[in-house]
Amino acid sequence: MEIKTQYFGSIPCSETEIIHFSDGLFGFQELKNYVPLSFQDNSDALISLQSIDDYRVSFILMNPFQLYSEYTPVLSPEDSKLLKASYDEENISYYVICVIHDQMEESTVNFKAPIAVNTDTREAKQVILDNPLYKFRHPIKDFIRREK
């Protein structure tokens, strides 16, 4: 099928590329199907999560482990069951939503409510982590400094 995207124009997309959110994303519960589009070939560092249902809706995602290697998300038992996570969660990939501003210093990432994707089934859920260290708005600049 052909889909219209916010950043890449119209592109071909196969059913196997689609990620399904049975609950949608917070604030976008009616939109269930998305396709992840990398900004760089063979890299999941920065991704556009493009809605299949509404081309105007796209989220910028980052691989949290490339930004902050000490990030340790743990699914709740309910989320683990819903996503059919393996015992060690090896079949789960995590991404964090970014809010990009003109001034990079003002850009933030949401470590508190990452997107968890079952890489086998392509089912996904935005989860809320029960860890007080993670917040909804972490300045990206803080994590870049920590890793240096």
N, C-alpha and C. Protein backbone atom coordinates (compact mmCIF):
# COMPACT_ATOMS: atom_id res chain seq x y z
N MET A 1 0.84 -1.19 0.00
CA MET A 1 0.00 0.00 0.00
C MET A 1 0.88 1.24 0.00
N GLU A 2 0.32 2.34 -0.40
CA GLU A 2 1.02 3.63 -0.42
C GLU A 2 0.45 4.48 0.72
N ILE A 3 1.36 5.11 1.49
CA ILE A 3 0.89 5.99 2.57
C ILE A 3 1.49 7.38 2.39
N LYS A 4 0.74 8.37 2.83
CA LYS A 4 1.22 9.74 2.82
C LYS A 4 1.84 10.01 4.19
N THR A 5 3.04 10.63 4.20
CA THR A 5 3.73 10.87 5.46
C THR A 5 4.00 12.36 5.63
N GLN A 6 4.31 12.72 6.84
CA GLN A 6 4.58 14.12 7.15
C GLN A 6 5.97 14.55 6.70
N TYR A 7 6.96 13.65 6.80
CA TYR A 7 8.35 14.03 6.52
C TYR A 7 8.95 13.39 5.27
N PHE A 8 8.33 12.34 4.75
CA PHE A 8 8.93 11.58 3.65
C PHE A 8 8.08 11.56 2.38
N GLY A 9 7.01 12.35 2.32
CA GLY A 9 6.13 12.33 1.16
C GLY A 9 5.32 11.05 1.13
N SER A 10 4.92 10.61 -0.05
CA SER A 10 4.20 9.34 -0.19
C SER A 10 5.22 8.22 -0.36
N ILE A 11 5.02 7.14 0.38
CA ILE A 11 5.96 6.03 0.33
C ILE A 11 5.20 4.70 0.33
N PRO A 12 5.83 3.65 -0.23
CA PRO A 12 5.20 2.32 -0.13
C PRO A 12 5.36 1.77 1.29
N CYS A 13 4.39 1.01 1.74
CA CYS A 13 4.42 0.44 3.08
C CYS A 13 3.74 -0.92 3.04
N SER A 14 4.39 -1.92 3.60
CA SER A 14 3.77 -3.25 3.65
C SER A 14 3.11 -3.47 5.01
N GLU A 15 2.18 -4.39 5.06
CA GLU A 15 1.46 -4.70 6.30
C GLU A 15 2.43 -5.15 7.39
N THR A 16 3.53 -5.78 7.04
CA THR A 16 4.49 -6.29 8.03
C THR A 16 5.26 -5.17 8.73
N GLU A 17 5.24 -3.96 8.18
CA GLU A 17 5.94 -2.83 8.79
C GLU A 17 5.10 -2.11 9.84
N ILE A 18 3.80 -2.35 9.83
CA ILE A 18 2.87 -1.61 10.68
C ILE A 18 2.98 -2.07 12.14
N ILE A 19 2.98 -1.08 13.03
CA ILE A 19 2.93 -1.32 14.47
C ILE A 19 1.53 -0.96 14.92
N HIS A 20 0.92 -1.87 15.70
CA HIS A 20 -0.47 -1.67 16.14
C HIS A 20 -0.51 -1.36 17.64
N PHE A 21 -1.21 -0.28 17.99
CA PHE A 21 -1.45 0.12 19.37
C PHE A 21 -2.94 -0.12 19.66
N SER A 22 -3.26 -1.16 20.40
CA SER A 22 -4.68 -1.44 20.65
C SER A 22 -5.34 -0.32 21.44
N ASP A 23 -4.56 0.38 22.28
CA ASP A 23 -5.10 1.50 23.06
C ASP A 23 -4.77 2.86 22.45
N GLY A 24 -4.08 2.90 21.32
CA GLY A 24 -3.61 4.16 20.76
C GLY A 24 -2.51 4.74 21.64
N LEU A 25 -2.11 5.96 21.37
CA LEU A 25 -1.14 6.68 22.19
C LEU A 25 -1.88 7.70 23.04
N PHE A 26 -1.29 8.11 24.16
CA PHE A 26 -1.94 9.08 25.02
C PHE A 26 -2.32 10.33 24.22
N GLY A 27 -3.59 10.67 24.25
CA GLY A 27 -4.08 11.83 23.52
C GLY A 27 -4.46 11.53 22.08
N PHE A 28 -4.14 10.32 21.61
CA PHE A 28 -4.43 9.93 20.22
C PHE A 28 -5.01 8.51 20.21
N GLN A 29 -5.93 8.23 21.12
CA GLN A 29 -6.47 6.88 21.28
C GLN A 29 -7.17 6.35 20.03
N GLU A 30 -7.67 7.26 19.19
CA GLU A 30 -8.41 6.81 18.00
C GLU A 30 -7.48 6.35 16.87
N LEU A 31 -6.20 6.69 16.94
CA LEU A 31 -5.24 6.30 15.91
C LEU A 31 -4.49 5.06 16.39
N LYS A 32 -4.66 3.95 15.70
CA LYS A 32 -4.14 2.66 16.19
C LYS A 32 -2.94 2.14 15.42
N ASN A 33 -2.76 2.54 14.17
CA ASN A 33 -1.74 1.95 13.31
C ASN A 33 -0.69 2.96 12.86
N TYR A 34 0.57 2.57 13.03
CA TYR A 34 1.69 3.45 12.72
C TYR A 34 2.77 2.67 12.00
N VAL A 35 3.62 3.40 11.31
CA VAL A 35 4.80 2.79 10.70
C VAL A 35 6.02 3.58 11.17
N PRO A 36 7.07 2.88 11.63
CA PRO A 36 8.29 3.57 12.03
C PRO A 36 9.17 3.84 10.81
N LEU A 37 9.61 5.06 10.66
CA LEU A 37 10.44 5.45 9.52
C LEU A 37 11.73 6.07 10.04
N SER A 38 12.85 5.42 9.77
CA SER A 38 14.15 5.93 10.24
C SER A 38 14.58 7.13 9.42
N PHE A 39 15.17 8.08 10.12
CA PHE A 39 15.73 9.23 9.42
C PHE A 39 17.08 8.89 8.81
N GLN A 40 17.75 7.84 9.32
CA GLN A 40 19.01 7.37 8.75
C GLN A 40 18.89 5.87 8.47
N ASP A 41 19.44 5.43 7.34
CA ASP A 41 19.39 4.01 7.00
C ASP A 41 20.04 3.17 8.09
N ASN A 42 19.40 2.04 8.38
CA ASN A 42 19.92 1.05 9.34
C ASN A 42 20.21 1.63 10.72
N SER A 43 19.41 2.60 11.16
CA SER A 43 19.59 3.18 12.48
C SER A 43 18.23 3.45 13.11
N ASP A 44 18.10 3.10 14.38
CA ASP A 44 16.86 3.43 15.09
C ASP A 44 17.10 4.54 16.11
N ALA A 45 18.18 5.31 15.91
CA ALA A 45 18.49 6.40 16.83
C ALA A 45 17.41 7.48 16.80
N LEU A 46 16.90 7.79 15.62
CA LEU A 46 15.88 8.83 15.45
C LEU A 46 14.86 8.33 14.43
N ILE A 47 13.61 8.27 14.85
CA ILE A 47 12.55 7.67 14.03
C ILE A 47 11.34 8.59 13.99
N SER A 48 10.68 8.58 12.85
CA SER A 48 9.36 9.20 12.74
C SER A 48 8.35 8.07 12.88
N LEU A 49 7.49 8.14 13.90
CA LEU A 49 6.42 7.17 14.05
C LEU A 49 5.20 7.77 13.38
N GLN A 50 4.97 7.34 12.15
CA GLN A 50 3.96 7.95 11.29
C GLN A 50 2.63 7.21 11.40
N SER A 51 1.57 7.96 11.67
CA SER A 51 0.23 7.37 11.70
C SER A 51 -0.17 6.96 10.29
N ILE A 52 -0.73 5.78 10.17
CA ILE A 52 -1.28 5.30 8.89
C ILE A 52 -2.65 5.94 8.66
N ASP A 53 -3.35 6.23 9.76
CA ASP A 53 -4.72 6.72 9.69
C ASP A 53 -4.83 8.22 9.46
N ASP A 54 -3.80 8.99 9.83
CA ASP A 54 -3.82 10.44 9.66
C ASP A 54 -2.39 10.92 9.40
N TYR A 55 -2.09 11.27 8.15
CA TYR A 55 -0.72 11.63 7.77
C TYR A 55 -0.19 12.85 8.54
N ARG A 56 -1.10 13.65 9.11
CA ARG A 56 -0.66 14.84 9.85
C ARG A 56 -0.11 14.50 11.23
N VAL A 57 -0.26 13.24 11.65
CA VAL A 57 0.19 12.82 12.98
C VAL A 57 1.44 11.96 12.84
N SER A 58 2.53 12.49 13.37
CA SER A 58 3.81 11.78 13.38
C SER A 58 4.55 12.19 14.64
N PHE A 59 5.14 11.23 15.30
CA PHE A 59 5.90 11.49 16.52
C PHE A 59 7.38 11.24 16.25
N ILE A 60 8.22 12.07 16.81
CA ILE A 60 9.66 11.86 16.71
C ILE A 60 10.08 11.01 17.91
N LEU A 61 10.69 9.87 17.61
CA LEU A 61 11.13 8.94 18.64
C LEU A 61 12.63 8.81 18.63
N MET A 62 13.17 8.50 19.79
CA MET A 62 14.60 8.20 19.92
C MET A 62 14.76 6.86 20.60
N ASN A 63 15.86 6.20 20.29
CA ASN A 63 16.24 5.01 21.01
C ASN A 63 16.81 5.50 22.35
N PRO A 64 16.16 5.20 23.46
CA PRO A 64 16.59 5.78 24.74
C PRO A 64 17.97 5.30 25.19
N PHE A 65 18.36 4.11 24.77
CA PHE A 65 19.63 3.53 25.21
C PHE A 65 20.82 4.20 24.53
N GLN A 66 20.58 4.78 23.35
CA GLN A 66 21.65 5.53 22.69
C GLN A 66 21.82 6.91 23.31
N LEU A 67 20.77 7.38 23.93
CA LEU A 67 20.81 8.69 24.59
C LEU A 67 21.31 8.56 26.04
N TYR A 68 20.87 7.49 26.71
CA TYR A 68 21.18 7.29 28.12
C TYR A 68 21.34 5.79 28.38
N SER A 69 22.55 5.33 28.39
CA SER A 69 22.83 3.88 28.47
C SER A 69 22.35 3.25 29.78
N GLU A 70 22.11 4.05 30.81
CA GLU A 70 21.66 3.51 32.10
C GLU A 70 20.14 3.41 32.22
N TYR A 71 19.43 3.70 31.15
CA TYR A 71 17.97 3.61 31.15
C TYR A 71 17.56 2.15 31.34
N THR A 72 16.70 1.89 32.32
CA THR A 72 16.29 0.52 32.62
C THR A 72 14.76 0.43 32.77
N PRO A 73 14.04 0.45 31.66
CA PRO A 73 12.59 0.33 31.76
C PRO A 73 12.19 -1.09 32.19
N VAL A 74 11.15 -1.17 33.01
CA VAL A 74 10.61 -2.46 33.43
C VAL A 74 9.09 -2.39 33.26
N LEU A 75 8.56 -3.33 32.52
CA LEU A 75 7.12 -3.37 32.29
C LEU A 75 6.39 -3.84 33.55
N SER A 76 5.20 -3.30 33.76
CA SER A 76 4.35 -3.82 34.82
C SER A 76 3.90 -5.23 34.40
N PRO A 77 3.47 -6.06 35.35
CA PRO A 77 2.98 -7.39 34.97
C PRO A 77 1.84 -7.33 33.95
N GLU A 78 0.95 -6.33 34.08
CA GLU A 78 -0.17 -6.20 33.15
C GLU A 78 0.31 -5.85 31.74
N ASP A 79 1.26 -4.89 31.64
CA ASP A 79 1.78 -4.50 30.33
C ASP A 79 2.59 -5.64 29.71
N SER A 80 3.33 -6.36 30.55
CA SER A 80 4.11 -7.49 30.07
C SER A 80 3.20 -8.56 29.46
N LYS A 81 2.10 -8.83 30.13
CA LYS A 81 1.13 -9.82 29.63
C LYS A 81 0.47 -9.34 28.34
N LEU A 82 0.05 -8.08 28.32
CA LEU A 82 -0.60 -7.52 27.14
C LEU A 82 0.32 -7.58 25.92
N LEU A 83 1.59 -7.27 26.13
CA LEU A 83 2.54 -7.25 25.02
C LEU A 83 3.15 -8.62 24.73
N LYS A 84 2.80 -9.62 25.54
CA LYS A 84 3.35 -10.97 25.39
C LYS A 84 4.88 -10.93 25.42
N ALA A 85 5.39 -10.23 26.42
CA ALA A 85 6.84 -10.09 26.57
C ALA A 85 7.45 -11.43 26.97
N SER A 86 8.61 -11.72 26.43
CA SER A 86 9.34 -12.92 26.85
C SER A 86 9.79 -12.73 28.29
N TYR A 87 10.24 -13.81 28.91
CA TYR A 87 10.64 -13.77 30.31
C TYR A 87 11.65 -12.65 30.59
N ASP A 88 12.63 -12.49 29.70
CA ASP A 88 13.67 -11.48 29.88
C ASP A 88 13.43 -10.21 29.05
N GLU A 89 12.24 -10.11 28.47
CA GLU A 89 11.83 -8.96 27.64
C GLU A 89 12.73 -8.75 26.42
N GLU A 90 13.38 -9.81 25.95
CA GLU A 90 14.23 -9.67 24.76
C GLU A 90 13.44 -9.33 23.50
N ASN A 91 12.16 -9.65 23.48
CA ASN A 91 11.34 -9.35 22.31
C ASN A 91 10.66 -7.98 22.40
N ILE A 92 11.08 -7.16 23.37
CA ILE A 92 10.50 -5.82 23.53
C ILE A 92 11.56 -4.76 23.21
N SER A 93 11.19 -3.82 22.35
CA SER A 93 12.03 -2.66 22.06
C SER A 93 11.35 -1.43 22.65
N TYR A 94 12.17 -0.51 23.12
CA TYR A 94 11.65 0.71 23.74
C TYR A 94 12.08 1.93 22.94
N TYR A 95 11.17 2.91 22.88
CA TYR A 95 11.45 4.20 22.24
C TYR A 95 10.83 5.29 23.09
N VAL A 96 11.46 6.45 23.09
CA VAL A 96 10.93 7.58 23.84
C VAL A 96 10.51 8.68 22.87
N ILE A 97 9.41 9.35 23.22
CA ILE A 97 8.90 10.44 22.39
C ILE A 97 9.68 11.71 22.70
N CYS A 98 10.05 12.42 21.65
CA CYS A 98 10.81 13.67 21.77
C CYS A 98 9.91 14.84 21.41
N VAL A 99 10.15 15.93 22.09
CA VAL A 99 9.55 17.20 21.71
C VAL A 99 10.72 18.06 21.27
N ILE A 100 10.78 18.31 19.97
CA ILE A 100 11.89 19.04 19.39
C ILE A 100 11.51 20.52 19.27
N HIS A 101 12.40 21.38 19.77
CA HIS A 101 12.21 22.82 19.69
C HIS A 101 13.27 23.43 18.76
N ASP A 102 13.05 24.66 18.34
CA ASP A 102 14.03 25.34 17.50
C ASP A 102 15.40 25.38 18.17
N GLN A 103 15.39 25.66 19.45
CA GLN A 103 16.63 25.65 20.24
C GLN A 103 16.80 24.25 20.83
N MET A 104 17.83 23.53 20.42
CA MET A 104 18.03 22.16 20.89
C MET A 104 18.05 22.07 22.41
N GLU A 105 18.54 23.11 23.08
CA GLU A 105 18.61 23.10 24.54
C GLU A 105 17.22 22.97 25.18
N GLU A 106 16.18 23.33 24.45
CA GLU A 106 14.83 23.28 24.97
C GLU A 106 14.11 21.97 24.63
N SER A 107 14.72 21.14 23.82
CA SER A 107 14.11 19.87 23.41
C SER A 107 14.11 18.88 24.58
N THR A 108 13.06 18.05 24.64
CA THR A 108 12.92 17.11 25.74
C THR A 108 12.59 15.71 25.24
N VAL A 109 12.80 14.72 26.12
CA VAL A 109 12.39 13.34 25.86
C VAL A 109 11.56 12.86 27.05
N ASN A 110 10.66 11.95 26.77
CA ASN A 110 9.76 11.41 27.78
C ASN A 110 10.23 10.01 28.19
N PHE A 111 11.01 9.95 29.27
CA PHE A 111 11.49 8.67 29.78
C PHE A 111 10.45 7.99 30.66
N LYS A 112 9.47 8.70 31.14
CA LYS A 112 8.45 8.16 32.04
C LYS A 112 7.42 7.30 31.30
N ALA A 113 7.10 7.68 30.06
CA ALA A 113 6.06 6.97 29.31
C ALA A 113 6.59 6.55 27.92
N PRO A 114 7.51 5.56 27.91
CA PRO A 114 8.05 5.13 26.63
C PRO A 114 7.05 4.29 25.84
N ILE A 115 7.40 4.07 24.60
CA ILE A 115 6.64 3.16 23.75
C ILE A 115 7.36 1.82 23.78
N ALA A 116 6.63 0.77 24.13
CA ALA A 116 7.17 -0.59 24.16
C ALA A 116 6.58 -1.35 22.99
N VAL A 117 7.44 -1.98 22.19
CA VAL A 117 7.01 -2.69 20.98
C VAL A 117 7.46 -4.14 21.06
N ASN A 118 6.51 -5.06 20.88
CA ASN A 118 6.86 -6.47 20.76
C ASN A 118 7.36 -6.66 19.34
N THR A 119 8.64 -6.98 19.19
CA THR A 119 9.25 -7.08 17.86
C THR A 119 8.78 -8.31 17.10
N ASP A 120 8.17 -9.28 17.78
CA ASP A 120 7.64 -10.47 17.10
C ASP A 120 6.24 -10.23 16.55
N THR A 121 5.37 -9.64 17.37
CA THR A 121 3.96 -9.48 16.99
C THR A 121 3.64 -8.11 16.41
N ARG A 122 4.53 -7.13 16.59
CA ARG A 122 4.32 -5.73 16.16
C ARG A 122 3.22 -5.05 16.95
N GLU A 123 2.84 -5.61 18.09
CA GLU A 123 1.91 -4.96 19.02
C GLU A 123 2.71 -4.00 19.88
N ALA A 124 2.12 -2.85 20.20
CA ALA A 124 2.83 -1.83 20.97
C ALA A 124 1.90 -1.18 21.97
N LYS A 125 2.53 -0.55 22.95
CA LYS A 125 1.76 0.18 23.96
C LYS A 125 2.64 1.28 24.52
N GLN A 126 2.05 2.44 24.75
CA GLN A 126 2.75 3.47 25.49
C GLN A 126 2.49 3.17 26.96
N VAL A 127 3.56 2.94 27.71
CA VAL A 127 3.45 2.52 29.10
C VAL A 127 3.91 3.63 30.03
N ILE A 128 3.51 3.55 31.28
CA ILE A 128 4.01 4.48 32.29
C ILE A 128 4.85 3.66 33.26
N LEU A 129 6.11 4.04 33.36
CA LEU A 129 7.05 3.31 34.21
C LEU A 129 6.92 3.74 35.67
N ASP A 130 7.03 2.78 36.55
CA ASP A 130 6.95 3.04 37.98
C ASP A 130 8.35 3.25 38.54
N ASN A 131 9.01 4.30 38.06
CA ASN A 131 10.36 4.63 38.51
C ASN A 131 10.41 6.15 38.70
N PRO A 132 10.61 6.61 39.93
CA PRO A 132 10.59 8.06 40.19
C PRO A 132 11.73 8.83 39.54
N LEU A 133 12.76 8.14 39.06
CA LEU A 133 13.87 8.83 38.39
C LEU A 133 13.49 9.32 36.99
N TYR A 134 12.49 8.69 36.39
CA TYR A 134 12.09 9.04 35.02
C TYR A 134 10.95 10.05 35.05
N LYS A 135 11.10 11.07 34.20
CA LYS A 135 10.11 12.14 34.13
C LYS A 135 9.53 12.22 32.71
N PHE A 136 8.45 12.98 32.60
CA PHE A 136 7.80 13.17 31.30
C PHE A 136 8.58 14.12 30.40
N ARG A 137 9.37 15.01 31.00
CA ARG A 137 10.13 16.00 30.21
C ARG A 137 11.56 16.11 30.73
N HIS A 138 12.43 15.29 30.18
CA HIS A 138 13.87 15.40 30.49
C HIS A 138 14.52 16.21 29.39
N PRO A 139 15.25 17.27 29.71
CA PRO A 139 15.99 17.99 28.66
C PRO A 139 17.03 17.06 28.02
N ILE A 140 17.04 17.00 26.71
CA ILE A 140 18.00 16.16 25.99
C ILE A 140 19.42 16.56 26.35
N LYS A 141 19.65 17.84 26.50
CA LYS A 141 21.01 18.33 26.79
C LYS A 141 21.57 17.72 28.07
N ASP A 142 20.73 17.42 29.05
CA ASP A 142 21.20 16.82 30.31
C ASP A 142 21.77 15.42 30.09
N PHE A 143 21.16 14.65 29.21
CA PHE A 143 21.63 13.30 28.95
C PHE A 143 22.86 13.28 28.07
N ILE A 144 22.96 14.23 27.18
CA ILE A 144 24.15 14.30 26.33
C ILE A 144 25.37 14.63 27.19
N ARG A 145 25.21 15.50 28.16
CA ARG A 145 26.32 15.85 29.07
C ARG A 145 26.72 14.64 29.91
N ARG A 146 25.77 13.87 30.40
CA ARG A 146 26.07 12.72 31.26
C ARG A 146 26.89 11.68 30.55
N GLU A 147 26.65 11.49 29.27
CA GLU A 147 27.32 10.44 28.52
C GLU A 147 28.74 10.84 28.12
N LYS A 148 29.11 12.08 28.24
CA LYS A 148 30.44 12.53 27.82
C LYS A 148 31.48 12.24 28.86
